[in-house]
Amino acid sequence: MFKVLLSMFTLVSLMTNVQAYSGDSYKCKVLDAVSLDGKGKLDKDGFGSLYVNPTTEFIVDRGTGRMLNKLLTNHNMNGSPKVLDRGSKDQAYKVITIYEPFVQVDYLFIETYAETKQKPFYFLSGTSLLSGTCVDY
């Protein structure tokens, strides 16, 4: 009897998790990018512009916060992302990566509370700021 109850509890827990998160990842498309120039202005032709083209997409693993793309990532041997908030109908999905020994910070923000299928995001990495939209994946 205990095994049956435990199995039922496990099944209900899994179903609840599936309802809360329809996918394990986000698929994000970069639509705009700017970089800080030497005069304190945002420059559309700076380093960030390398990521803006019709095929610039990346996947975000919701559990780890890792961004997966050949060039656009938020992890390496000097830093691993930390999910600060898994997101909800009231809060955004937030991930921070701190690289060491030469400190650099990456920050990913996805508006999970947006009422549309396309969830706006921004990604700040060094002096580059990228934005676009993400969908459940």
C-alpha atoms as a PDB file:
ATOM      1  CA  MET A   1       0.000   0.000   0.000  1.00  0.00           C
ATOM      2  CA  PHE A   2       2.852   2.372   0.862  1.00  0.00           C
ATOM      3  CA  LYS A   3       4.477   1.768  -2.545  1.00  0.00           C
ATOM      4  CA  VAL A   4       1.207   2.577  -4.307  1.00  0.00           C
ATOM      5  CA  LEU A   5       0.800   5.835  -2.360  1.00  0.00           C
ATOM      6  CA  LEU A   6       4.427   6.776  -3.002  1.00  0.00           C
ATOM      7  CA  SER A   7       3.996   6.089  -6.740  1.00  0.00           C
ATOM      8  CA  MET A   8       0.824   8.196  -6.859  1.00  0.00           C
ATOM      9  CA  PHE A   9       2.533  11.061  -5.002  1.00  0.00           C
ATOM     10  CA  THR A  10       5.495  10.931  -7.406  1.00  0.00           C
ATOM     11  CA  LEU A  11       3.170  10.958 -10.424  1.00  0.00           C
ATOM     12  CA  VAL A  12       1.196  13.952  -9.102  1.00  0.00           C
ATOM     13  CA  SER A  13       4.463  15.804  -8.380  1.00  0.00           C
ATOM     14  CA  LEU A  14       5.719  15.187 -11.903  1.00  0.00           C
ATOM     15  CA  MET A  15       2.414  16.328 -13.424  1.00  0.00           C
ATOM     16  CA  THR A  16       2.535  19.537 -11.367  1.00  0.00           C
ATOM     17  CA  ASN A  17       6.055  20.281 -12.581  1.00  0.00           C
ATOM     18  CA  VAL A  18       5.049  19.681 -16.204  1.00  0.00           C
ATOM     19  CA  GLN A  19       2.153  22.114 -15.862  1.00  0.00           C
ATOM     20  CA  ALA A  20       4.353  24.791 -14.309  1.00  0.00           C
ATOM     21  CA  TYR A  21       7.048  24.543 -17.012  1.00  0.00           C
ATOM     22  CA  SER A  22       5.896  23.479 -20.452  1.00  0.00           C
ATOM     23  CA  GLY A  23       9.481  22.964 -21.646  1.00  0.00           C
ATOM     24  CA  ASP A  24      12.916  22.376 -20.218  1.00  0.00           C
ATOM     25  CA  SER A  25      14.426  25.207 -22.236  1.00  0.00           C
ATOM     26  CA  TYR A  26      13.880  28.516 -23.952  1.00  0.00           C
ATOM     27  CA  LYS A  27      14.775  29.143 -27.580  1.00  0.00           C
ATOM     28  CA  CYS A  28      15.799  32.781 -27.956  1.00  0.00           C
ATOM     29  CA  LYS A  29      16.325  34.946 -31.021  1.00  0.00           C
ATOM     30  CA  VAL A  30      18.560  38.024 -30.915  1.00  0.00           C
ATOM     31  CA  LEU A  31      16.807  41.007 -32.542  1.00  0.00           C
ATOM     32  CA  ASP A  32      18.982  43.918 -31.438  1.00  0.00           C
ATOM     33  CA  ALA A  33      22.415  44.587 -29.943  1.00  0.00           C
ATOM     34  CA  VAL A  34      24.435  47.562 -28.766  1.00  0.00           C
ATOM     35  CA  SER A  35      27.832  48.065 -27.188  1.00  0.00           C
ATOM     36  CA  LEU A  36      29.179  50.797 -24.977  1.00  0.00           C
ATOM     37  CA  ASP A  37      31.571  53.035 -26.920  1.00  0.00           C
ATOM     38  CA  GLY A  38      34.496  55.051 -25.580  1.00  0.00           C
ATOM     39  CA  LYS A  39      32.325  58.147 -25.141  1.00  0.00           C
ATOM     40  CA  GLY A  40      29.676  56.495 -22.979  1.00  0.00           C
ATOM     41  CA  LYS A  41      27.117  56.049 -25.771  1.00  0.00           C
ATOM     42  CA  LEU A  42      25.461  52.873 -27.011  1.00  0.00           C
ATOM     43  CA  ASP A  43      26.844  51.919 -30.426  1.00  0.00           C
ATOM     44  CA  LYS A  44      24.877  49.658 -32.809  1.00  0.00           C
ATOM     45  CA  ASP A  45      28.033  48.946 -34.814  1.00  0.00           C
ATOM     46  CA  GLY A  46      30.115  47.777 -31.853  1.00  0.00           C
ATOM     47  CA  PHE A  47      31.037  44.281 -30.718  1.00  0.00           C
ATOM     48  CA  GLY A  48      27.415  43.362 -29.857  1.00  0.00           C
ATOM     49  CA  SER A  49      26.379  43.789 -33.501  1.00  0.00           C
ATOM     50  CA  LEU A  50      28.224  40.558 -34.345  1.00  0.00           C
ATOM     51  CA  TYR A  51      25.281  38.648 -32.864  1.00  0.00           C
ATOM     52  CA  VAL A  52      22.487  40.310 -34.841  1.00  0.00           C
ATOM     53  CA  ASN A  53      21.579  38.413 -37.991  1.00  0.00           C
ATOM     54  CA  PRO A  54      18.540  36.391 -39.111  1.00  0.00           C
ATOM     55  CA  THR A  55      19.942  33.145 -37.706  1.00  0.00           C
ATOM     56  CA  THR A  56      21.275  34.254 -34.317  1.00  0.00           C
ATOM     57  CA  GLU A  57      19.503  31.998 -31.846  1.00  0.00           C
ATOM     58  CA  PHE A  58      20.494  30.295 -28.638  1.00  0.00           C
ATOM     59  CA  ILE A  59      18.959  27.783 -26.254  1.00  0.00           C
ATOM     60  CA  VAL A  60      18.710  28.370 -22.498  1.00  0.00           C
ATOM     61  CA  ASP A  61      18.543  25.336 -20.231  1.00  0.00           C
ATOM     62  CA  ARG A  62      16.020  26.408 -17.565  1.00  0.00           C
ATOM     63  CA  GLY A  63      17.543  24.231 -14.867  1.00  0.00           C
ATOM     64  CA  THR A  64      21.179  25.303 -15.191  1.00  0.00           C
ATOM     65  CA  GLY A  65      20.776  28.700 -16.875  1.00  0.00           C
ATOM     66  CA  ARG A  66      23.342  27.736 -19.518  1.00  0.00           C
ATOM     67  CA  MET A  67      23.067  29.482 -22.870  1.00  0.00           C
ATOM     68  CA  LEU A  68      23.979  27.192 -25.745  1.00  0.00           C
ATOM     69  CA  ASN A  69      25.318  28.627 -29.014  1.00  0.00           C
ATOM     70  CA  LYS A  70      28.689  28.350 -30.777  1.00  0.00           C
ATOM     71  CA  LEU A  71      29.695  31.947 -29.997  1.00  0.00           C
ATOM     72  CA  LEU A  72      27.081  33.257 -27.586  1.00  0.00           C
ATOM     73  CA  THR A  73      27.371  31.526 -24.207  1.00  0.00           C
ATOM     74  CA  ASN A  74      27.368  32.391 -20.528  1.00  0.00           C
ATOM     75  CA  HIS A  75      29.699  29.687 -19.220  1.00  0.00           C
ATOM     76  CA  ASN A  76      33.247  28.432 -19.548  1.00  0.00           C
ATOM     77  CA  MET A  77      35.963  27.035 -17.283  1.00  0.00           C
ATOM     78  CA  ASN A  78      36.132  30.389 -15.449  1.00  0.00           C
ATOM     79  CA  GLY A  79      32.414  30.761 -14.684  1.00  0.00           C
ATOM     80  CA  SER A  80      29.150  28.849 -14.377  1.00  0.00           C
ATOM     81  CA  PRO A  81      25.698  30.430 -14.492  1.00  0.00           C
ATOM     82  CA  LYS A  82      23.497  30.563 -11.416  1.00  0.00           C
ATOM     83  CA  VAL A  83      19.708  30.718 -11.773  1.00  0.00           C
ATOM     84  CA  LEU A  84      18.548  33.469  -9.392  1.00  0.00           C
ATOM     85  CA  ASP A  85      14.823  33.174 -10.198  1.00  0.00           C
ATOM     86  CA  ARG A  86      13.055  30.464 -12.250  1.00  0.00           C
ATOM     87  CA  GLY A  87      10.419  32.958 -13.313  1.00  0.00           C
ATOM     88  CA  SER A  88       6.676  32.926 -12.818  1.00  0.00           C
ATOM     89  CA  LYS A  89       3.568  34.906 -13.723  1.00  0.00           C
ATOM     90  CA  ASP A  90       4.932  37.681 -11.465  1.00  0.00           C
ATOM     91  CA  GLN A  91       8.729  37.408 -11.738  1.00  0.00           C
ATOM     92  CA  ALA A  92      11.222  37.183 -14.600  1.00  0.00           C
ATOM     93  CA  TYR A  93      13.647  34.333 -15.197  1.00  0.00           C
ATOM     94  CA  LYS A  94      17.060  35.620 -14.062  1.00  0.00           C
ATOM     95  CA  VAL A  95      20.544  34.141 -14.461  1.00  0.00           C
ATOM     96  CA  ILE A  96      23.926  35.557 -13.441  1.00  0.00           C
ATOM     97  CA  THR A  97      27.410  34.330 -14.297  1.00  0.00           C
ATOM     98  CA  ILE A  98      30.485  35.709 -12.551  1.00  0.00           C
ATOM     99  CA  TYR A  99      33.789  34.863 -14.219  1.00  0.00           C
ATOM    100  CA  GLU A 100      37.069  34.806 -12.294  1.00  0.00           C
ATOM    101  CA  PRO A 101      39.971  35.522 -11.817  1.00  0.00           C
ATOM    102  CA  PHE A 102      39.471  38.540 -14.116  1.00  0.00           C
ATOM    103  CA  VAL A 103      35.982  39.525 -12.983  1.00  0.00           C
ATOM    104  CA  GLN A 104      33.311  39.833 -15.656  1.00  0.00           C
ATOM    105  CA  VAL A 105      29.559  39.497 -15.140  1.00  0.00           C
ATOM    106  CA  ASP A 106      26.888  38.190 -17.540  1.00  0.00           C
ATOM    107  CA  TYR A 107      23.197  38.699 -16.762  1.00  0.00           C
ATOM    108  CA  LEU A 108      20.226  37.123 -18.566  1.00  0.00           C
ATOM    109  CA  PHE A 109      16.666  38.406 -17.965  1.00  0.00           C
ATOM    110  CA  ILE A 110      13.601  36.787 -19.612  1.00  0.00           C
ATOM    111  CA  GLU A 111      10.128  38.253 -19.035  1.00  0.00           C
ATOM    112  CA  THR A 112       8.365  34.961 -18.254  1.00  0.00           C
ATOM    113  CA  TYR A 113       5.365  36.932 -17.041  1.00  0.00           C
ATOM    114  CA  ALA A 114       4.689  38.425 -20.496  1.00  0.00           C
ATOM    115  CA  GLU A 115       1.208  37.483 -21.656  1.00  0.00           C
ATOM    116  CA  THR A 116       2.398  36.553 -25.150  1.00  0.00           C
ATOM    117  CA  LYS A 117       4.083  33.413 -26.470  1.00  0.00           C
ATOM    118  CA  GLN A 118       7.158  35.517 -27.331  1.00  0.00           C
ATOM    119  CA  LYS A 119       8.902  36.464 -24.066  1.00  0.00           C
ATOM    120  CA  PRO A 120      11.190  39.542 -24.314  1.00  0.00           C
ATOM    121  CA  PHE A 121      14.742  39.099 -23.034  1.00  0.00           C
ATOM    122  CA  TYR A 122      17.961  41.007 -22.615  1.00  0.00           C
ATOM    123  CA  PHE A 123      21.463  39.687 -22.081  1.00  0.00           C
ATOM    124  CA  LEU A 124      24.213  41.892 -20.691  1.00  0.00           C
ATOM    125  CA  SER A 125      27.770  40.661 -21.231  1.00  0.00           C
ATOM    126  CA  GLY A 126      30.680  42.984 -20.553  1.00  0.00           C
ATOM    127  CA  THR A 127      29.946  46.132 -22.556  1.00  0.00           C
ATOM    128  CA  SER A 128      27.428  44.463 -24.910  1.00  0.00           C
ATOM    129  CA  LEU A 129      23.652  44.410 -24.495  1.00  0.00           C
ATOM    130  CA  LEU A 130      21.576  42.031 -26.636  1.00  0.00           C
ATOM    131  CA  SER A 131      17.795  41.827 -26.736  1.00  0.00           C
ATOM    132  CA  GLY A 132      15.116  39.816 -28.458  1.00  0.00           C
ATOM    133  CA  THR A 133      12.467  37.229 -27.731  1.00  0.00           C
ATOM    134  CA  CYS A 134      12.326  33.684 -26.323  1.00  0.00           C
ATOM    135  CA  VAL A 135       9.751  30.904 -26.622  1.00  0.00           C
ATOM    136  CA  ASP A 136       9.241  27.696 -24.671  1.00  0.00           C
ATOM    137  CA  TYR A 137      11.340  24.936 -26.196  1.00  0.00           C
END
